[in-house]
């Protein structure tokens, strides 16, 4: 079985269509979306004229076998994360003004309004985002796979955090083991290629093909959005355990 992974679309409908077309050409059997379908920020100006949150959500909803929420998806519908990495939001977090939330956060969680442009979402899109889980476990050809936007205990990526060492994933590996999973896929970091970690070593790798050995491993893939970083998607073959991290063809900046 060939499973495709897309993440960090950020309302870029043209790149999302490119990703689905690429995975279809590779004879993908199922596609998973790892979050941040929406969320258009200032650095993404290169596709401002074609950003379309509703179209992205509609396509993901129609074509993806499993979808989890990213931090920008939660913010779009003013949801605070269940898996909050120890930060206490409180029940009235979004009733507070920006300055008060900034004071309380002390630069520990994303606040978004300092860089994110307004969302244009239909009622149906808001309802769909509100329904998305922060993680999912899927069985692909007999392999149980854990899916989330980032790693436990910050599954949605709502906390300001940079992953630098494999030891930072110890809680994540324990959490996915409780769900009888060895393999875990995420997005969030927008690597130009992928990040891979077992319990001992974290590596940042370029686009290419890699063999997964079947042990405990966390893999984070590239963004789909045509930002300043090289974008792409992933394809995992459950039979051969080969992971292909595939770049998307770059397009001219849209102005």
C-alpha atoms as a PDB file:
ATOM      1  CA  UNK A   1       0.000   0.000   0.000  1.00  0.00           C
ATOM      2  CA  UNK A   2       1.242   3.471  -0.884  1.00  0.00           C
ATOM      3  CA  UNK A   3       0.281   6.235   1.536  1.00  0.00           C
ATOM      4  CA  UNK A   4       0.761   9.905   0.679  1.00  0.00           C
ATOM      5  CA  UNK A   5       1.338  12.620   3.270  1.00  0.00           C
ATOM      6  CA  UNK A   6       0.615  16.301   2.802  1.00  0.00           C
ATOM      7  CA  UNK A   7       0.989  19.042   5.399  1.00  0.00           C
ATOM      8  CA  UNK A   8       1.116  22.788   5.919  1.00  0.00           C
ATOM      9  CA  UNK A   9      -0.987  23.798   2.940  1.00  0.00           C
ATOM     10  CA  UNK A  10      -1.702  27.261   4.339  1.00  0.00           C
ATOM     11  CA  UNK A  11      -4.487  28.023   1.838  1.00  0.00           C
ATOM     12  CA  UNK A  12      -2.276  27.486  -1.250  1.00  0.00           C
ATOM     13  CA  UNK A  13      -4.821  25.807  -3.512  1.00  0.00           C
ATOM     14  CA  UNK A  14      -2.533  25.591  -6.559  1.00  0.00           C
ATOM     15  CA  UNK A  15       0.247  23.795  -4.668  1.00  0.00           C
ATOM     16  CA  UNK A  16      -2.316  21.494  -3.053  1.00  0.00           C
ATOM     17  CA  UNK A  17      -3.639  20.499  -6.475  1.00  0.00           C
ATOM     18  CA  UNK A  18      -0.044  19.918  -7.615  1.00  0.00           C
ATOM     19  CA  UNK A  19       0.559  17.641  -4.626  1.00  0.00           C
ATOM     20  CA  UNK A  20      -2.542  15.535  -5.266  1.00  0.00           C
ATOM     21  CA  UNK A  21      -1.637  15.248  -8.953  1.00  0.00           C
ATOM     22  CA  UNK A  22       1.891  14.142  -8.081  1.00  0.00           C
ATOM     23  CA  UNK A  23       0.679  11.496  -5.638  1.00  0.00           C
ATOM     24  CA  UNK A  24      -1.863  10.227  -8.161  1.00  0.00           C
ATOM     25  CA  UNK A  25       0.918   9.799 -10.737  1.00  0.00           C
ATOM     26  CA  UNK A  26       2.827   7.783  -8.140  1.00  0.00           C
ATOM     27  CA  UNK A  27      -0.214   5.474  -7.783  1.00  0.00           C
ATOM     28  CA  UNK A  28      -0.925   6.484  -4.212  1.00  0.00           C
ATOM     29  CA  UNK A  29      -3.663   4.437  -2.495  1.00  0.00           C
ATOM     30  CA  UNK A  30      -4.557   6.854   0.304  1.00  0.00           C
ATOM     31  CA  UNK A  31      -3.606  10.392   1.313  1.00  0.00           C
ATOM     32  CA  UNK A  32      -3.242  11.757   4.840  1.00  0.00           C
ATOM     33  CA  UNK A  33      -3.296  15.454   5.746  1.00  0.00           C
ATOM     34  CA  UNK A  34      -1.133  16.372   8.731  1.00  0.00           C
ATOM     35  CA  UNK A  35      -2.643  19.767   9.465  1.00  0.00           C
ATOM     36  CA  UNK A  36      -2.359  23.500   8.872  1.00  0.00           C
ATOM     37  CA  UNK A  37      -4.739  23.473   5.947  1.00  0.00           C
ATOM     38  CA  UNK A  38      -5.419  27.135   6.652  1.00  0.00           C
ATOM     39  CA  UNK A  39      -3.410  29.998   8.120  1.00  0.00           C
ATOM     40  CA  UNK A  40      -2.040  32.610   5.743  1.00  0.00           C
ATOM     41  CA  UNK A  41       0.788  34.685   7.194  1.00  0.00           C
ATOM     42  CA  UNK A  42       2.811  37.620   5.960  1.00  0.00           C
ATOM     43  CA  UNK A  43       5.761  35.522   4.617  1.00  0.00           C
ATOM     44  CA  UNK A  44       3.353  33.706   2.249  1.00  0.00           C
ATOM     45  CA  UNK A  45       2.641  36.765   0.090  1.00  0.00           C
ATOM     46  CA  UNK A  46       3.924  35.052  -3.041  1.00  0.00           C
ATOM     47  CA  UNK A  47       0.563  33.308  -3.584  1.00  0.00           C
ATOM     48  CA  UNK A  48      -1.752  35.891  -2.056  1.00  0.00           C
ATOM     49  CA  UNK A  49      -3.916  36.175  -5.194  1.00  0.00           C
ATOM     50  CA  UNK A  50      -4.671  32.464  -5.323  1.00  0.00           C
ATOM     51  CA  UNK A  51      -5.053  31.683  -1.604  1.00  0.00           C
ATOM     52  CA  UNK A  52      -8.376  29.925  -1.041  1.00  0.00           C
ATOM     53  CA  UNK A  53      -9.024  28.411   2.367  1.00  0.00           C
ATOM     54  CA  UNK A  54     -12.473  27.031   1.506  1.00  0.00           C
ATOM     55  CA  UNK A  55     -11.225  25.352  -1.670  1.00  0.00           C
ATOM     56  CA  UNK A  56      -8.310  23.758   0.206  1.00  0.00           C
ATOM     57  CA  UNK A  57     -10.598  22.457   2.934  1.00  0.00           C
ATOM     58  CA  UNK A  58     -13.074  21.104   0.396  1.00  0.00           C
ATOM     59  CA  UNK A  59     -10.352  19.246  -1.512  1.00  0.00           C
ATOM     60  CA  UNK A  60      -8.754  17.809   1.630  1.00  0.00           C
ATOM     61  CA  UNK A  61     -12.125  16.715   2.936  1.00  0.00           C
ATOM     62  CA  UNK A  62     -12.960  14.972  -0.334  1.00  0.00           C
ATOM     63  CA  UNK A  63      -9.610  13.311  -1.010  1.00  0.00           C
ATOM     64  CA  UNK A  64      -7.935  12.504   2.314  1.00  0.00           C
ATOM     65  CA  UNK A  65      -8.434   9.285   4.244  1.00  0.00           C
ATOM     66  CA  UNK A  66      -7.391  10.907   7.521  1.00  0.00           C
ATOM     67  CA  UNK A  67      -6.916  14.534   8.620  1.00  0.00           C
ATOM     68  CA  UNK A  68      -5.568  16.043  11.849  1.00  0.00           C
ATOM     69  CA  UNK A  69      -5.599  19.632  13.071  1.00  0.00           C
ATOM     70  CA  UNK A  70      -2.581  21.904  13.072  1.00  0.00           C
ATOM     71  CA  UNK A  71      -2.041  24.961  15.240  1.00  0.00           C
ATOM     72  CA  UNK A  72      -3.267  27.363  12.533  1.00  0.00           C
ATOM     73  CA  UNK A  73      -6.401  25.264  12.030  1.00  0.00           C
ATOM     74  CA  UNK A  74      -7.174  25.548  15.739  1.00  0.00           C
ATOM     75  CA  UNK A  75      -6.632  29.294  15.732  1.00  0.00           C
ATOM     76  CA  UNK A  76      -8.944  29.770  12.734  1.00  0.00           C
ATOM     77  CA  UNK A  77     -11.894  28.552  14.830  1.00  0.00           C
ATOM     78  CA  UNK A  78     -10.494  29.821  18.145  1.00  0.00           C
ATOM     79  CA  UNK A  79      -9.876  26.391  19.633  1.00  0.00           C
ATOM     80  CA  UNK A  80      -7.267  25.941  22.333  1.00  0.00           C
ATOM     81  CA  UNK A  81      -5.392  22.635  22.142  1.00  0.00           C
ATOM     82  CA  UNK A  82      -6.268  19.704  24.345  1.00  0.00           C
ATOM     83  CA  UNK A  83      -2.619  18.639  24.317  1.00  0.00           C
ATOM     84  CA  UNK A  84      -1.215  21.921  25.570  1.00  0.00           C
ATOM     85  CA  UNK A  85       2.346  20.941  26.596  1.00  0.00           C
ATOM     86  CA  UNK A  86       1.730  22.268  30.076  1.00  0.00           C
ATOM     87  CA  UNK A  87       0.533  25.754  29.185  1.00  0.00           C
ATOM     88  CA  UNK A  88      -2.718  26.772  30.879  1.00  0.00           C
ATOM     89  CA  UNK A  89      -4.927  28.604  28.390  1.00  0.00           C
ATOM     90  CA  UNK A  90      -8.049  28.739  30.515  1.00  0.00           C
ATOM     91  CA  UNK A  91     -11.628  28.684  29.257  1.00  0.00           C
ATOM     92  CA  UNK A  92     -11.667  32.338  28.160  1.00  0.00           C
ATOM     93  CA  UNK A  93      -8.353  32.516  26.281  1.00  0.00           C
ATOM     94  CA  UNK A  94      -9.803  34.065  23.124  1.00  0.00           C
ATOM     95  CA  UNK A  95     -12.046  36.389  25.089  1.00  0.00           C
ATOM     96  CA  UNK A  96      -8.881  38.138  26.277  1.00  0.00           C
ATOM     97  CA  UNK A  97      -7.369  40.900  24.169  1.00  0.00           C
ATOM     98  CA  UNK A  98      -4.053  40.408  22.393  1.00  0.00           C
ATOM     99  CA  UNK A  99      -1.964  42.353  24.911  1.00  0.00           C
ATOM    100  CA  UNK A 100      -3.278  40.304  27.824  1.00  0.00           C
ATOM    101  CA  UNK A 101      -2.656  37.015  26.025  1.00  0.00           C
ATOM    102  CA  UNK A 102       0.819  38.210  25.101  1.00  0.00           C
ATOM    103  CA  UNK A 103       1.538  39.012  28.737  1.00  0.00           C
ATOM    104  CA  UNK A 104       0.308  35.629  29.929  1.00  0.00           C
ATOM    105  CA  UNK A 105       2.025  33.625  27.204  1.00  0.00           C
ATOM    106  CA  UNK A 106       5.466  35.168  27.788  1.00  0.00           C
ATOM    107  CA  UNK A 107       6.445  34.032  24.295  1.00  0.00           C
ATOM    108  CA  UNK A 108       5.651  30.389  25.044  1.00  0.00           C
ATOM    109  CA  UNK A 109       2.692  29.886  22.674  1.00  0.00           C
ATOM    110  CA  UNK A 110       1.819  31.279  19.258  1.00  0.00           C
ATOM    111  CA  UNK A 111      -0.545  34.260  19.232  1.00  0.00           C
ATOM    112  CA  UNK A 112      -0.958  34.556  15.430  1.00  0.00           C
ATOM    113  CA  UNK A 113      -2.467  38.043  15.176  1.00  0.00           C
ATOM    114  CA  UNK A 114       1.001  39.592  14.888  1.00  0.00           C
ATOM    115  CA  UNK A 115       1.510  37.962  11.488  1.00  0.00           C
ATOM    116  CA  UNK A 116      -1.610  36.121  10.313  1.00  0.00           C
ATOM    117  CA  UNK A 117      -4.028  37.691   7.861  1.00  0.00           C
ATOM    118  CA  UNK A 118      -7.822  37.384   8.342  1.00  0.00           C
ATOM    119  CA  UNK A 119      -9.468  34.088   7.405  1.00  0.00           C
ATOM    120  CA  UNK A 120     -12.213  33.827   4.802  1.00  0.00           C
ATOM    121  CA  UNK A 121     -14.083  30.676   5.800  1.00  0.00           C
ATOM    122  CA  UNK A 122     -17.602  29.465   5.144  1.00  0.00           C
ATOM    123  CA  UNK A 123     -19.729  28.144   7.989  1.00  0.00           C
ATOM    124  CA  UNK A 124     -19.171  24.627   6.679  1.00  0.00           C
ATOM    125  CA  UNK A 125     -15.406  25.076   6.691  1.00  0.00           C
ATOM    126  CA  UNK A 126     -15.489  26.329  10.266  1.00  0.00           C
ATOM    127  CA  UNK A 127     -17.582  23.355  11.316  1.00  0.00           C
ATOM    128  CA  UNK A 128     -15.149  20.964   9.635  1.00  0.00           C
ATOM    129  CA  UNK A 129     -12.096  22.546  11.295  1.00  0.00           C
ATOM    130  CA  UNK A 130     -13.852  22.399  14.641  1.00  0.00           C
ATOM    131  CA  UNK A 131     -14.336  18.649  14.206  1.00  0.00           C
ATOM    132  CA  UNK A 132     -10.724  17.729  13.433  1.00  0.00           C
ATOM    133  CA  UNK A 133      -8.836  15.652  16.029  1.00  0.00           C
ATOM    134  CA  UNK A 134      -5.363  16.561  17.271  1.00  0.00           C
ATOM    135  CA  UNK A 135      -4.115  13.070  16.438  1.00  0.00           C
ATOM    136  CA  UNK A 136      -5.231   9.928  14.663  1.00  0.00           C
ATOM    137  CA  UNK A 137      -4.127   6.308  14.497  1.00  0.00           C
ATOM    138  CA  UNK A 138      -4.609   4.502  11.201  1.00  0.00           C
ATOM    139  CA  UNK A 139      -3.975   0.943  10.070  1.00  0.00           C
ATOM    140  CA  UNK A 140      -2.250   0.865   6.705  1.00  0.00           C
ATOM    141  CA  UNK A 141      -1.769  -2.646   5.379  1.00  0.00           C
ATOM    142  CA  UNK A 142      -1.388  -4.027   8.895  1.00  0.00           C
ATOM    143  CA  UNK A 143       0.901  -1.249  10.136  1.00  0.00           C
ATOM    144  CA  UNK A 144      -0.487   1.031  12.853  1.00  0.00           C
ATOM    145  CA  UNK A 145       0.649   4.582  12.150  1.00  0.00           C
ATOM    146  CA  UNK A 146       0.349   7.597  14.460  1.00  0.00           C
ATOM    147  CA  UNK A 147      -0.547  10.921  12.815  1.00  0.00           C
ATOM    148  CA  UNK A 148      -0.232  14.417  14.284  1.00  0.00           C
ATOM    149  CA  UNK A 149       0.830  17.895  13.274  1.00  0.00           C
ATOM    150  CA  UNK A 150       3.724  17.927  15.773  1.00  0.00           C
ATOM    151  CA  UNK A 151       4.930  15.733  18.624  1.00  0.00           C
ATOM    152  CA  UNK A 152       3.486  14.910  22.049  1.00  0.00           C
ATOM    153  CA  UNK A 153       2.777  16.714  24.362  1.00  0.00           C
ATOM    154  CA  UNK A 154       2.290  19.503  21.781  1.00  0.00           C
ATOM    155  CA  UNK A 155       0.470  17.510  19.115  1.00  0.00           C
ATOM    156  CA  UNK A 156      -0.937  20.563  17.309  1.00  0.00           C
ATOM    157  CA  UNK A 157       2.281  22.606  17.362  1.00  0.00           C
ATOM    158  CA  UNK A 158       0.666  25.429  19.330  1.00  0.00           C
ATOM    159  CA  UNK A 159       3.653  26.011  21.589  1.00  0.00           C
ATOM    160  CA  UNK A 160       6.706  27.988  20.416  1.00  0.00           C
ATOM    161  CA  UNK A 161       9.240  25.201  20.323  1.00  0.00           C
ATOM    162  CA  UNK A 162      12.199  24.140  18.216  1.00  0.00           C
ATOM    163  CA  UNK A 163      13.010  20.453  18.093  1.00  0.00           C
ATOM    164  CA  UNK A 164      16.781  20.024  18.307  1.00  0.00           C
ATOM    165  CA  UNK A 165      17.529  16.660  19.941  1.00  0.00           C
ATOM    166  CA  UNK A 166      16.104  13.136  19.833  1.00  0.00           C
ATOM    167  CA  UNK A 167      15.681  13.253  23.615  1.00  0.00           C
ATOM    168  CA  UNK A 168      12.980  15.883  23.117  1.00  0.00           C
ATOM    169  CA  UNK A 169      10.866  13.106  21.545  1.00  0.00           C
ATOM    170  CA  UNK A 170      11.016  10.697  24.487  1.00  0.00           C
ATOM    171  CA  UNK A 171       7.485  11.548  25.630  1.00  0.00           C
ATOM    172  CA  UNK A 172       6.240  11.258  22.062  1.00  0.00           C
ATOM    173  CA  UNK A 173       7.610   7.750  21.614  1.00  0.00           C
ATOM    174  CA  UNK A 174       6.075   6.704  24.928  1.00  0.00           C
ATOM    175  CA  UNK A 175       2.729   8.198  23.879  1.00  0.00           C
ATOM    176  CA  UNK A 176       2.583   6.477  20.501  1.00  0.00           C
ATOM    177  CA  UNK A 177       3.644   3.188  22.120  1.00  0.00           C
ATOM    178  CA  UNK A 178       0.535   3.457  24.323  1.00  0.00           C
ATOM    179  CA  UNK A 179      -1.396   3.453  21.037  1.00  0.00           C
ATOM    180  CA  UNK A 180       0.486   0.372  19.804  1.00  0.00           C
ATOM    181  CA  UNK A 181       2.373   2.412  17.177  1.00  0.00           C
ATOM    182  CA  UNK A 182       6.027   2.400  16.186  1.00  0.00           C
ATOM    183  CA  UNK A 183       5.861   4.788  13.244  1.00  0.00           C
ATOM    184  CA  UNK A 184       4.717   8.401  13.509  1.00  0.00           C
ATOM    185  CA  UNK A 185       4.261  11.110  10.851  1.00  0.00           C
ATOM    186  CA  UNK A 186       4.043  14.873  11.402  1.00  0.00           C
ATOM    187  CA  UNK A 187       4.443  18.211   9.643  1.00  0.00           C
ATOM    188  CA  UNK A 188       4.729  21.684  11.210  1.00  0.00           C
ATOM    189  CA  UNK A 189       8.441  22.485  10.841  1.00  0.00           C
ATOM    190  CA  UNK A 190       8.487  23.040   7.046  1.00  0.00           C
ATOM    191  CA  UNK A 191      11.776  21.143   6.548  1.00  0.00           C
ATOM    192  CA  UNK A 192      13.287  21.308   3.071  1.00  0.00           C
ATOM    193  CA  UNK A 193      13.117  17.546   2.872  1.00  0.00           C
ATOM    194  CA  UNK A 194      12.239  15.744   6.082  1.00  0.00           C
ATOM    195  CA  UNK A 195      13.192  15.309   9.715  1.00  0.00           C
ATOM    196  CA  UNK A 196      13.678  11.750  10.981  1.00  0.00           C
ATOM    197  CA  UNK A 197      14.291  10.581  14.504  1.00  0.00           C
ATOM    198  CA  UNK A 198      14.500   7.333  16.383  1.00  0.00           C
ATOM    199  CA  UNK A 199      15.017   7.241  20.127  1.00  0.00           C
ATOM    200  CA  UNK A 200      18.697   8.134  19.827  1.00  0.00           C
ATOM    201  CA  UNK A 201      19.265  10.386  16.815  1.00  0.00           C
ATOM    202  CA  UNK A 202      17.464  13.250  15.074  1.00  0.00           C
ATOM    203  CA  UNK A 203      18.411  13.970  11.466  1.00  0.00           C
ATOM    204  CA  UNK A 204      17.353  16.589   8.940  1.00  0.00           C
ATOM    205  CA  UNK A 205      17.486  15.116   5.438  1.00  0.00           C
ATOM    206  CA  UNK A 206      17.084  16.410   1.904  1.00  0.00           C
ATOM    207  CA  UNK A 207      14.414  15.363  -0.568  1.00  0.00           C
ATOM    208  CA  UNK A 208      15.030  11.790  -1.630  1.00  0.00           C
ATOM    209  CA  UNK A 209      14.243   8.134  -0.874  1.00  0.00           C
ATOM    210  CA  UNK A 210      14.889   6.503   2.489  1.00  0.00           C
ATOM    211  CA  UNK A 211      14.414   3.026   3.961  1.00  0.00           C
ATOM    212  CA  UNK A 212      12.523   2.801   7.263  1.00  0.00           C
ATOM    213  CA  UNK A 213      13.614  -0.169   9.339  1.00  0.00           C
ATOM    214  CA  UNK A 214      10.358  -0.824  11.154  1.00  0.00           C
ATOM    215  CA  UNK A 215      11.557   0.374  14.558  1.00  0.00           C
ATOM    216  CA  UNK A 216      10.248   3.322  16.531  1.00  0.00           C
ATOM    217  CA  UNK A 217      10.573   6.391  14.319  1.00  0.00           C
ATOM    218  CA  UNK A 218       9.149   9.897  13.945  1.00  0.00           C
ATOM    219  CA  UNK A 219       9.099  11.520  10.489  1.00  0.00           C
ATOM    220  CA  UNK A 220       8.184  15.148   9.765  1.00  0.00           C
ATOM    221  CA  UNK A 221       7.601  16.153   6.167  1.00  0.00           C
ATOM    222  CA  UNK A 222       7.813  19.343   4.103  1.00  0.00           C
ATOM    223  CA  UNK A 223       5.156  21.989   3.590  1.00  0.00           C
ATOM    224  CA  UNK A 224       2.910  21.922   0.542  1.00  0.00           C
ATOM    225  CA  UNK A 225       2.594  25.725   0.491  1.00  0.00           C
ATOM    226  CA  UNK A 226       4.777  27.628  -1.962  1.00  0.00           C
ATOM    227  CA  UNK A 227       6.599  29.656   0.684  1.00  0.00           C
ATOM    228  CA  UNK A 228      10.232  30.760   0.762  1.00  0.00           C
ATOM    229  CA  UNK A 229      11.197  27.162   1.634  1.00  0.00           C
ATOM    230  CA  UNK A 230      11.300  24.281  -0.829  1.00  0.00           C
ATOM    231  CA  UNK A 231       7.944  22.523  -0.705  1.00  0.00           C
ATOM    232  CA  UNK A 232       6.862  18.943  -1.275  1.00  0.00           C
ATOM    233  CA  UNK A 233       5.028  15.877   0.017  1.00  0.00           C
ATOM    234  CA  UNK A 234       5.812  12.309   1.084  1.00  0.00           C
ATOM    235  CA  UNK A 235       4.919   8.811  -0.088  1.00  0.00           C
ATOM    236  CA  UNK A 236       5.359   5.725   2.102  1.00  0.00           C
ATOM    237  CA  UNK A 237       5.261   2.195   0.668  1.00  0.00           C
ATOM    238  CA  UNK A 238       4.147  -0.153   3.441  1.00  0.00           C
ATOM    239  CA  UNK A 239       5.410  -3.250   1.597  1.00  0.00           C
ATOM    240  CA  UNK A 240       8.978  -2.090   0.969  1.00  0.00           C
ATOM    241  CA  UNK A 241       9.027   0.414   3.879  1.00  0.00           C
ATOM    242  CA  UNK A 242      10.466   2.988   1.490  1.00  0.00           C
ATOM    243  CA  UNK A 243       9.782   6.649   2.167  1.00  0.00           C
ATOM    244  CA  UNK A 244       9.960   9.057  -0.774  1.00  0.00           C
ATOM    245  CA  UNK A 245      10.215  12.741   0.129  1.00  0.00           C
ATOM    246  CA  UNK A 246       9.250  14.446  -3.109  1.00  0.00           C
ATOM    247  CA  UNK A 247       9.723  18.113  -4.079  1.00  0.00           C
ATOM    248  CA  UNK A 248       6.936  19.945  -5.829  1.00  0.00           C
ATOM    249  CA  UNK A 249       7.798  21.753  -9.040  1.00  0.00           C
ATOM    250  CA  UNK A 250       8.465  25.375  -8.155  1.00  0.00           C
ATOM    251  CA  UNK A 251       6.265  28.014  -9.721  1.00  0.00           C
ATOM    252  CA  UNK A 252       6.866  31.653 -10.426  1.00  0.00           C
ATOM    253  CA  UNK A 253       5.999  34.036  -7.662  1.00  0.00           C
ATOM    254  CA  UNK A 254       2.417  35.296  -8.039  1.00  0.00           C
ATOM    255  CA  UNK A 255       2.199  39.080  -7.706  1.00  0.00           C
END
